[in-house]
Amino acid sequence: MTVQFKNNAFSTLAAGINDSVTTLAVASGHGARFPTIASPQYFYVTLIDASNNLEIVKVTARSSDTFTIVRNQESSGAKAFSTDDRVELRLTAQGLNDIAAEVFLDDEFKIQDDSDITKQLAFQCSGITSGQTRTVTAQDLNLTMAGINVAQTFTAAQRGTVTDIGSQSTTVTVNLDTSNNHKVTLTGNAAFASPTGLDSDAIGQSGSIFITQDGTGSRVPTFHDAFDFIGGTVPTFTTTVAAVDRLDYIVVSDTRLQCVATLAYS
């Protein structure tokens, strides 16, 4: 946490200060009563004179009994203070606001079970691309999170998007990184290129590609060698007007998909 606190931290000024200096010294040995900080950490102290006039300052560094300060916090007004005026670490409105707005480090923010503090949930951000903020959105119902490295049984339907590649006349490029299922309408004798995302990370991915003839029909697709059909032979696809063939695939290597075609859906 960036803003720091310490219980019952108080002292007095070792020397008076005017309303513009950016350092102050507390009584000898009293600095240890206050938080030990390193940039970007800080804490707030309140200066109080004999007439109870006060100023809140932000302490951005502490070297023993000497504080580096930013004056006039929370519109308290910069003032002159005398030797032996009080210096106290108090809970301030800005300190509380800073906690509410805090961005925590991975090892700082954890959620723990209310009856067993040894059960904790931590969040890890190291996998995020530099300079990016990623948002996790919870559904409007109770849910159990799934993991990618454990065996599990889904107790509700899981639905994959069917990505529409659109109408293609010359080249069809399936992007395996977009979704598992795709559809395309042939408006010419289009060639299916080696899919985008066909790499070691895609091994085990499976899905379907729905191939539809346009209003003219007679469109004969061809396929890159990455598409591996039974017996090494590309089947004869249906070419009647508006016919739909389904190509089911599973990625078996970083260069190949094993495919089975089911033909002539209405």
Protein backbone atom coordinates (compact mmCIF):
# COMPACT_ATOMS: atom_id res chain seq x y z
CA MET A 1 0.00 0.00 0.00
CA THR A 2 1.37 3.44 -0.93
CA VAL A 3 -0.08 5.61 1.86
CA GLN A 4 1.42 4.49 5.17
CA PHE A 5 0.23 4.62 8.77
CA LYS A 6 1.67 3.88 12.21
CA ASN A 7 -0.10 3.83 15.53
CA ASN A 8 0.32 6.76 17.91
CA ALA A 9 3.07 8.49 15.91
CA PHE A 10 3.68 11.95 17.36
CA SER A 11 6.50 14.39 18.13
CA THR A 12 7.34 18.08 18.24
CA LEU A 13 9.28 20.32 15.89
CA ALA A 14 13.00 20.43 16.65
CA ALA A 15 13.13 23.88 15.01
CA GLY A 16 10.60 26.36 13.71
CA ILE A 17 9.63 26.48 10.03
CA ASN A 18 8.16 29.18 7.81
CA ASP A 19 5.22 28.67 5.44
CA SER A 20 7.29 27.62 2.42
CA VAL A 21 10.04 25.22 3.50
CA THR A 22 9.84 21.64 2.25
CA THR A 23 11.62 19.89 5.10
CA LEU A 24 11.09 19.71 8.84
CA ALA A 25 12.88 18.05 11.74
CA VAL A 26 11.18 16.40 14.70
CA ALA A 27 12.62 15.98 18.18
CA SER A 28 15.75 13.84 18.36
CA GLY A 29 15.01 10.12 18.05
CA HIS A 30 11.29 10.63 17.40
CA GLY A 31 11.52 9.96 13.65
CA ALA A 32 11.39 6.22 14.35
CA ARG A 33 7.87 6.68 15.69
CA PHE A 34 6.73 7.43 12.12
CA PRO A 35 6.54 5.05 9.14
CA THR A 36 9.66 4.01 7.28
CA ILE A 37 8.93 4.76 3.62
CA ALA A 38 10.49 4.36 0.20
CA SER A 39 9.25 6.03 -2.99
CA PRO A 40 6.42 6.09 -3.95
CA GLN A 41 5.21 5.57 -0.37
CA TYR A 42 4.18 8.51 1.81
CA PHE A 43 2.22 9.47 4.92
CA TYR A 44 0.37 12.51 6.19
CA VAL A 45 1.16 14.45 9.38
CA THR A 46 -0.69 17.31 10.98
CA LEU A 47 1.24 20.29 12.37
CA ILE A 48 -0.48 22.08 15.30
CA ASP A 49 0.65 25.30 16.99
CA ALA A 50 -0.06 26.56 20.50
CA SER A 51 -3.31 28.18 19.31
CA ASN A 52 -4.46 24.96 17.65
CA ASN A 53 -3.93 26.31 14.15
CA LEU A 54 -3.03 23.38 11.96
CA GLU A 55 -1.68 22.36 8.59
CA ILE A 56 -1.69 18.92 7.00
CA VAL A 57 1.48 18.06 5.09
CA LYS A 58 2.41 15.05 2.97
CA VAL A 59 5.67 13.35 3.94
CA THR A 60 7.31 11.86 0.86
CA ALA A 61 10.63 10.86 2.44
CA ARG A 62 12.00 10.39 5.95
CA SER A 63 15.68 10.31 6.87
CA SER A 64 15.90 9.62 10.60
CA ASP A 65 14.28 12.68 12.20
CA THR A 66 14.09 14.80 9.01
CA PHE A 67 10.96 14.74 6.84
CA THR A 68 10.61 15.88 3.22
CA ILE A 69 7.16 17.43 2.95
CA VAL A 70 4.58 18.78 0.51
CA ARG A 71 2.74 21.69 2.08
CA ASN A 72 -0.93 22.71 2.30
CA GLN A 73 -2.63 19.35 1.97
CA GLU A 74 -6.42 19.13 2.01
CA SER A 75 -6.65 22.95 1.72
CA SER A 76 -5.37 23.30 5.27
CA GLY A 77 -3.24 26.34 4.36
CA ALA A 78 0.54 26.69 4.62
CA LYS A 79 1.58 28.30 7.92
CA ALA A 80 4.63 29.09 10.02
CA PHE A 81 5.27 26.90 13.06
CA SER A 82 7.54 27.24 16.05
CA THR A 83 9.93 24.97 17.92
CA ASP A 84 8.02 22.44 20.04
CA ASP A 85 4.79 22.75 18.01
CA ARG A 86 3.15 19.35 17.67
CA VAL A 87 3.67 16.92 14.77
CA GLU A 88 1.11 14.10 14.71
CA LEU A 89 0.24 11.31 12.30
CA ARG A 90 -3.55 11.51 12.16
CA LEU A 91 -6.16 9.74 10.10
CA THR A 92 -7.22 12.30 7.49
CA ALA A 93 -9.93 12.37 4.84
CA GLN A 94 -7.35 12.34 2.06
CA GLY A 95 -5.57 9.39 3.63
CA LEU A 96 -8.81 7.42 3.57
CA ASN A 97 -9.53 8.51 -0.01
CA ASP A 98 -6.05 7.40 -1.02
CA ILE A 99 -6.69 3.94 0.42
CA ALA A 100 -9.97 3.70 -1.50
CA ALA A 101 -8.20 4.62 -4.74
CA GLU A 102 -5.16 2.46 -4.06
CA VAL A 103 -3.74 0.22 -6.78
CA PHE A 104 -2.23 -2.74 -4.95
CA LEU A 105 0.79 -4.81 -5.91
CA ASP A 106 0.34 -8.54 -6.62
CA ASP A 107 1.73 -9.55 -3.22
CA GLU A 108 -0.25 -6.91 -1.31
CA PHE A 109 -3.87 -7.53 -2.26
CA LYS A 110 -5.43 -10.78 -1.12
CA ILE A 111 -8.94 -11.91 -0.20
CA GLN A 112 -9.15 -14.41 2.62
CA ASP A 113 -11.79 -16.74 4.02
CA ASP A 114 -13.71 -15.17 6.89
CA SER A 115 -13.19 -18.22 9.11
CA ASP A 116 -9.73 -19.43 8.04
CA ILE A 117 -7.05 -16.82 7.28
CA THR A 118 -4.85 -19.49 5.68
CA LYS A 119 -7.31 -19.67 2.75
CA GLN A 120 -6.49 -16.76 0.48
CA LEU A 121 -7.14 -15.66 -3.10
CA ALA A 122 -4.37 -13.60 -4.73
CA PHE A 123 -4.39 -11.88 -8.12
CA GLN A 124 -1.37 -12.06 -10.43
CA CYS A 125 -0.82 -9.41 -13.13
CA SER A 126 2.53 -10.52 -14.59
CA GLY A 127 0.85 -12.02 -17.67
CA ILE A 128 -0.64 -8.70 -18.79
CA THR A 129 0.99 -6.96 -21.75
CA SER A 130 3.03 -3.96 -20.64
CA GLY A 131 1.01 -0.76 -20.51
CA GLN A 132 -2.35 -2.53 -20.51
CA THR A 133 -5.16 -2.67 -17.97
CA ARG A 134 -7.36 -5.75 -18.20
CA THR A 135 -10.91 -5.89 -16.82
CA VAL A 136 -12.49 -8.97 -15.24
CA THR A 137 -16.29 -8.81 -15.43
CA ALA A 138 -18.47 -11.01 -13.21
CA GLN A 139 -21.73 -12.32 -14.60
CA ASP A 140 -24.99 -11.31 -12.95
CA LEU A 141 -25.35 -14.63 -11.16
CA ASN A 142 -23.37 -16.79 -8.76
CA LEU A 143 -20.58 -18.66 -10.53
CA THR A 144 -17.61 -20.92 -9.99
CA MET A 145 -14.46 -20.01 -11.85
CA ALA A 146 -12.98 -22.57 -14.23
CA GLY A 147 -9.27 -23.31 -14.46
CA ILE A 148 -7.14 -24.17 -17.47
CA ASN A 149 -4.86 -26.62 -15.65
CA VAL A 150 -7.34 -28.84 -13.80
CA ALA A 151 -9.85 -31.50 -14.85
CA GLN A 152 -13.38 -30.24 -14.37
CA THR A 153 -17.03 -30.86 -15.22
CA PHE A 154 -19.14 -28.02 -16.57
CA THR A 155 -22.64 -28.01 -15.09
CA ALA A 156 -24.14 -25.57 -17.58
CA ALA A 157 -24.02 -25.28 -21.37
CA GLN A 158 -20.88 -23.73 -22.86
CA ARG A 159 -21.46 -21.99 -26.19
CA GLY A 160 -18.82 -20.97 -28.70
CA THR A 161 -19.24 -18.05 -31.08
CA VAL A 162 -19.49 -18.83 -34.79
CA THR A 163 -17.24 -16.27 -36.49
CA ASP A 164 -18.57 -15.08 -39.85
CA ILE A 165 -15.74 -14.81 -42.36
CA GLY A 166 -18.22 -13.33 -44.82
CA SER A 167 -18.45 -13.87 -48.57
CA GLN A 168 -15.16 -14.95 -50.14
CA SER A 169 -14.34 -15.52 -53.78
CA THR A 170 -10.58 -16.10 -53.87
CA THR A 171 -9.07 -16.85 -50.44
CA VAL A 172 -10.54 -18.03 -47.14
CA THR A 173 -8.36 -17.54 -44.07
CA VAL A 174 -9.70 -19.03 -40.85
CA ASN A 175 -8.35 -17.34 -37.70
CA LEU A 176 -8.06 -19.98 -34.99
CA ASP A 177 -7.33 -17.28 -32.42
CA THR A 178 -10.77 -15.70 -32.98
CA SER A 179 -13.02 -18.66 -32.15
CA ASN A 180 -13.42 -22.39 -32.65
CA ASN A 181 -16.30 -22.22 -35.11
CA HIS A 182 -16.47 -20.28 -38.38
CA LYS A 183 -18.72 -19.85 -41.39
CA VAL A 184 -18.10 -18.62 -44.91
CA THR A 185 -20.15 -18.13 -48.07
CA LEU A 186 -18.33 -18.99 -51.29
CA THR A 187 -18.81 -16.55 -54.17
CA GLY A 188 -16.02 -18.09 -56.22
CA ASN A 189 -13.66 -21.06 -56.29
CA ALA A 190 -11.93 -19.88 -53.13
CA ALA A 191 -8.79 -21.45 -51.69
CA PHE A 192 -8.63 -22.17 -47.98
CA ALA A 193 -5.23 -20.86 -46.83
CA SER A 194 -3.28 -22.22 -43.86
CA PRO A 195 -5.21 -20.87 -40.86
CA THR A 196 -4.00 -17.94 -38.84
CA GLY A 197 -2.99 -19.06 -35.36
CA LEU A 198 -2.00 -22.57 -36.45
CA ASP A 199 0.84 -23.05 -33.97
CA SER A 200 1.79 -25.10 -30.92
CA ASP A 201 -0.67 -23.18 -28.74
CA ALA A 202 -3.56 -24.32 -30.97
CA ILE A 203 -2.88 -28.05 -30.63
CA GLY A 204 -6.03 -29.75 -29.33
CA GLN A 205 -8.37 -27.01 -30.55
CA SER A 206 -11.38 -28.34 -32.41
CA GLY A 207 -14.43 -26.89 -34.07
CA SER A 208 -16.44 -26.62 -37.26
CA ILE A 209 -16.32 -24.55 -40.44
CA PHE A 210 -19.67 -24.11 -42.21
CA ILE A 211 -19.22 -23.67 -45.98
CA THR A 212 -22.22 -22.26 -47.86
CA GLN A 213 -22.69 -21.94 -51.61
CA ASP A 214 -23.98 -18.57 -52.81
CA GLY A 215 -27.00 -17.99 -55.05
CA THR A 216 -25.04 -19.11 -58.08
CA GLY A 217 -23.51 -22.30 -56.71
CA SER A 218 -20.90 -24.39 -58.51
CA ARG A 219 -18.17 -22.97 -56.24
CA VAL A 220 -15.38 -25.52 -55.79
CA PRO A 221 -13.17 -24.89 -52.75
CA THR A 222 -9.53 -25.96 -52.57
CA PHE A 223 -7.46 -26.46 -49.44
CA HIS A 224 -3.94 -25.80 -48.22
CA ASP A 225 -1.93 -28.89 -47.23
CA ALA A 226 -2.51 -27.94 -43.56
CA PHE A 227 -6.02 -29.39 -44.00
CA ASP A 228 -5.54 -33.15 -43.69
CA PHE A 229 -8.47 -35.22 -44.98
CA ILE A 230 -9.04 -38.97 -44.66
CA GLY A 231 -6.81 -40.83 -47.08
CA GLY A 232 -5.19 -37.55 -48.04
CA THR A 233 -8.03 -36.83 -50.46
CA VAL A 234 -10.14 -33.69 -50.41
CA PRO A 235 -13.80 -34.71 -50.60
CA THR A 236 -16.09 -33.41 -53.33
CA PHE A 237 -17.98 -30.56 -51.73
CA THR A 238 -21.61 -29.86 -52.55
CA THR A 239 -21.98 -27.19 -55.25
CA THR A 240 -25.73 -26.75 -55.51
CA VAL A 241 -27.18 -23.30 -54.81
CA ALA A 242 -27.26 -22.40 -51.09
CA ALA A 243 -25.94 -25.84 -50.05
CA VAL A 244 -24.17 -26.07 -46.70
CA ASP A 245 -21.28 -28.43 -45.96
CA ARG A 246 -19.71 -28.73 -42.51
CA LEU A 247 -16.00 -29.24 -42.06
CA ASP A 248 -15.10 -30.54 -38.59
CA TYR A 249 -11.46 -30.24 -37.54
CA ILE A 250 -9.02 -30.82 -34.72
CA VAL A 251 -5.54 -29.30 -34.61
CA VAL A 252 -2.97 -32.09 -34.19
CA SER A 253 0.27 -30.17 -34.74
CA ASP A 254 1.52 -26.68 -35.41
CA THR A 255 1.17 -27.34 -39.15
CA ARG A 256 -1.85 -29.62 -39.51
CA LEU A 257 -5.57 -29.98 -38.86
CA GLN A 258 -7.27 -33.35 -39.24
CA CYS A 259 -10.60 -32.79 -41.01
CA VAL A 260 -13.86 -34.61 -41.70
CA ALA A 261 -16.51 -33.18 -44.06
CA THR A 262 -20.23 -33.76 -43.67
CA LEU A 263 -21.98 -32.80 -46.88
CA ALA A 264 -25.21 -31.42 -48.27
CA TYR A 265 -27.09 -29.95 -45.35
CA SER A 266 -30.25 -28.17 -46.39
